[in-house]
């Protein structure tokens, strides 16, 4: 996965209940094992990365349709 880097930022938060498939939880836990991050921090950063890249793709698609 290029461009995705774990960081240790802490922001004001709010609780949300999200259900994850067990195999995905296992993959995430294996990936973060031994790293200075938490499950929640990983999920937040992964979501931010996905959203940022979707916005880039949306912009590219709209530019190509001109």
N, C-alpha and C. Protein backbone atom coordinates (compact mmCIF):
# COMPACT_ATOMS: atom_id res chain seq x y z
N UNK A 1 0.86 -1.17 0.00
CA UNK A 1 0.00 0.00 0.00
C UNK A 1 0.90 1.23 0.00
N UNK A 2 1.01 1.92 -1.11
CA UNK A 2 1.89 3.07 -1.18
C UNK A 2 1.22 4.32 -0.62
N UNK A 3 2.03 5.14 0.04
CA UNK A 3 1.52 6.40 0.54
C UNK A 3 0.89 6.35 1.92
N UNK A 4 0.56 5.19 2.43
CA UNK A 4 -0.09 5.09 3.74
C UNK A 4 0.98 4.92 4.80
N UNK A 5 1.07 5.89 5.69
CA UNK A 5 2.05 5.85 6.79
C UNK A 5 1.32 6.04 8.11
N UNK A 6 1.65 5.21 9.09
CA UNK A 6 1.06 5.37 10.42
C UNK A 6 1.67 6.57 11.11
N UNK A 7 0.83 7.35 11.79
CA UNK A 7 1.31 8.49 12.56
C UNK A 7 0.69 8.44 13.94
N UNK A 8 1.24 9.23 14.85
CA UNK A 8 0.80 9.18 16.24
C UNK A 8 -0.03 10.40 16.63
N UNK A 9 -0.80 10.96 15.71
CA UNK A 9 -1.64 12.12 16.01
C UNK A 9 -2.77 11.74 16.95
N UNK A 10 -3.11 12.65 17.83
CA UNK A 10 -4.25 12.46 18.72
C UNK A 10 -5.16 13.67 18.58
N UNK A 11 -6.44 13.42 18.35
CA UNK A 11 -7.42 14.49 18.16
C UNK A 11 -8.59 14.25 19.09
N UNK A 12 -9.42 15.29 19.23
CA UNK A 12 -10.67 15.13 19.97
C UNK A 12 -11.50 14.07 19.25
N UNK A 13 -12.14 13.20 20.02
CA UNK A 13 -12.84 12.07 19.40
C UNK A 13 -14.26 11.93 19.92
N UNK A 14 -15.01 11.11 19.22
CA UNK A 14 -16.36 10.74 19.62
C UNK A 14 -16.51 9.24 19.36
N UNK A 15 -17.19 8.55 20.24
CA UNK A 15 -17.38 7.11 20.06
C UNK A 15 -18.41 6.81 18.99
N UNK A 16 -18.11 5.83 18.15
CA UNK A 16 -19.03 5.28 17.15
C UNK A 16 -18.89 3.77 17.22
N UNK A 17 -20.00 3.10 17.17
CA UNK A 17 -19.98 1.64 17.20
C UNK A 17 -19.95 1.13 15.76
N UNK A 18 -18.90 0.42 15.41
CA UNK A 18 -18.73 -0.11 14.06
C UNK A 18 -18.45 -1.60 14.17
N UNK A 19 -19.13 -2.39 13.35
CA UNK A 19 -18.88 -3.83 13.34
C UNK A 19 -17.94 -4.17 12.19
N UNK A 20 -16.91 -4.93 12.52
CA UNK A 20 -15.93 -5.36 11.53
C UNK A 20 -16.01 -6.87 11.36
N UNK A 21 -15.81 -7.36 10.15
CA UNK A 21 -15.70 -8.81 9.97
C UNK A 21 -14.47 -9.32 10.73
N UNK A 22 -14.60 -10.46 11.36
CA UNK A 22 -13.50 -11.01 12.17
C UNK A 22 -12.21 -11.16 11.37
N UNK A 23 -12.25 -11.65 10.12
CA UNK A 23 -10.99 -11.75 9.37
C UNK A 23 -10.30 -10.39 9.18
N UNK A 24 -11.07 -9.31 9.02
CA UNK A 24 -10.48 -7.98 8.88
C UNK A 24 -9.84 -7.54 10.19
N UNK A 25 -10.50 -7.78 11.30
CA UNK A 25 -9.92 -7.47 12.61
C UNK A 25 -8.60 -8.19 12.79
N UNK A 26 -8.57 -9.46 12.43
CA UNK A 26 -7.34 -10.25 12.57
C UNK A 26 -6.22 -9.69 11.70
N UNK A 27 -6.54 -9.27 10.47
CA UNK A 27 -5.52 -8.69 9.58
C UNK A 27 -4.98 -7.39 10.16
N UNK A 28 -5.87 -6.54 10.66
CA UNK A 28 -5.44 -5.26 11.22
C UNK A 28 -4.57 -5.50 12.46
N UNK A 29 -5.03 -6.37 13.34
CA UNK A 29 -4.26 -6.64 14.56
C UNK A 29 -2.89 -7.21 14.24
N UNK A 30 -2.81 -8.06 13.23
CA UNK A 30 -1.51 -8.62 12.83
C UNK A 30 -0.62 -7.52 12.27
N UNK A 31 -1.20 -6.62 11.47
CA UNK A 31 -0.42 -5.54 10.87
C UNK A 31 0.13 -4.57 11.91
N UNK A 32 -0.66 -4.23 12.92
CA UNK A 32 -0.21 -3.22 13.90
C UNK A 32 0.61 -3.83 15.04
N UNK A 33 0.70 -5.14 15.08
CA UNK A 33 1.45 -5.81 16.15
C UNK A 33 2.89 -5.29 16.18
N UNK A 34 3.31 -4.83 17.36
CA UNK A 34 4.67 -4.33 17.54
C UNK A 34 4.87 -2.89 17.09
N UNK A 35 3.82 -2.26 16.58
CA UNK A 35 3.92 -0.86 16.15
C UNK A 35 3.31 0.03 17.23
N UNK A 36 3.74 1.28 17.26
CA UNK A 36 3.26 2.23 18.27
C UNK A 36 1.95 2.84 17.83
N UNK A 37 0.92 2.01 17.67
CA UNK A 37 -0.40 2.49 17.29
C UNK A 37 -1.47 1.58 17.87
N UNK A 38 -2.69 2.07 17.89
CA UNK A 38 -3.80 1.28 18.39
C UNK A 38 -4.69 0.88 17.23
N UNK A 39 -5.59 -0.04 17.49
CA UNK A 39 -6.55 -0.46 16.48
C UNK A 39 -7.34 0.75 15.99
N UNK A 40 -7.85 1.54 16.93
CA UNK A 40 -8.65 2.72 16.57
C UNK A 40 -7.84 3.71 15.72
N UNK A 41 -6.62 3.97 16.12
CA UNK A 41 -5.78 4.89 15.37
C UNK A 41 -5.55 4.39 13.95
N UNK A 42 -5.30 3.11 13.81
CA UNK A 42 -5.11 2.53 12.47
C UNK A 42 -6.35 2.73 11.62
N UNK A 43 -7.52 2.41 12.17
CA UNK A 43 -8.78 2.51 11.42
C UNK A 43 -9.04 3.96 11.01
N UNK A 44 -8.81 4.91 11.91
CA UNK A 44 -9.01 6.32 11.60
C UNK A 44 -8.09 6.74 10.45
N UNK A 45 -6.82 6.38 10.56
CA UNK A 45 -5.87 6.76 9.53
C UNK A 45 -6.17 6.08 8.19
N UNK A 46 -6.60 4.84 8.23
CA UNK A 46 -6.95 4.13 6.99
C UNK A 46 -8.17 4.79 6.33
N UNK A 47 -9.15 5.20 7.12
CA UNK A 47 -10.33 5.87 6.58
C UNK A 47 -9.96 7.22 5.97
N UNK A 48 -9.11 7.99 6.69
CA UNK A 48 -8.68 9.28 6.16
C UNK A 48 -7.94 9.10 4.84
N UNK A 49 -7.06 8.11 4.79
CA UNK A 49 -6.30 7.83 3.56
C UNK A 49 -7.23 7.46 2.42
N UNK A 50 -8.21 6.59 2.69
CA UNK A 50 -9.16 6.17 1.65
C UNK A 50 -9.97 7.37 1.15
N UNK A 51 -10.46 8.20 2.06
CA UNK A 51 -11.24 9.36 1.67
C UNK A 51 -10.42 10.36 0.86
N UNK A 52 -9.19 10.60 1.28
CA UNK A 52 -8.32 11.52 0.54
C UNK A 52 -8.09 11.01 -0.88
N UNK A 53 -7.88 9.72 -1.03
CA UNK A 53 -7.63 9.16 -2.35
C UNK A 53 -8.89 9.08 -3.20
N UNK A 54 -10.04 8.88 -2.59
CA UNK A 54 -11.29 8.90 -3.35
C UNK A 54 -11.54 10.29 -3.90
N UNK A 55 -11.24 11.32 -3.11
CA UNK A 55 -11.41 12.69 -3.58
C UNK A 55 -10.51 12.95 -4.78
N UNK A 56 -9.27 12.44 -4.74
CA UNK A 56 -8.35 12.59 -5.87
C UNK A 56 -8.91 11.89 -7.10
N UNK A 57 -9.45 10.69 -6.92
CA UNK A 57 -10.03 9.94 -8.04
C UNK A 57 -11.24 10.66 -8.59
N UNK A 58 -12.09 11.21 -7.73
CA UNK A 58 -13.28 11.95 -8.18
C UNK A 58 -12.86 13.17 -8.99
N UNK A 59 -11.82 13.87 -8.54
CA UNK A 59 -11.34 15.05 -9.26
C UNK A 59 -10.80 14.64 -10.62
N UNK A 60 -10.00 13.56 -10.68
CA UNK A 60 -9.46 13.08 -11.95
C UNK A 60 -10.58 12.70 -12.90
N UNK A 61 -11.60 12.01 -12.40
CA UNK A 61 -12.72 11.61 -13.25
C UNK A 61 -13.47 12.81 -13.79
N UNK A 62 -13.68 13.85 -12.97
CA UNK A 62 -14.40 15.02 -13.45
C UNK A 62 -13.54 15.80 -14.44
N UNK A 63 -12.20 15.83 -14.23
CA UNK A 63 -11.31 16.50 -15.17
C UNK A 63 -11.31 15.77 -16.51
N UNK A 64 -11.38 14.45 -16.50
CA UNK A 64 -11.36 13.67 -17.73
C UNK A 64 -12.66 13.79 -18.51
N UNK A 65 -13.74 14.16 -17.84
CA UNK A 65 -15.04 14.27 -18.51
C UNK A 65 -15.26 15.64 -19.14
N UNK A 66 -14.28 16.54 -19.04
CA UNK A 66 -14.44 17.89 -19.61
C UNK A 66 -14.10 17.89 -21.09
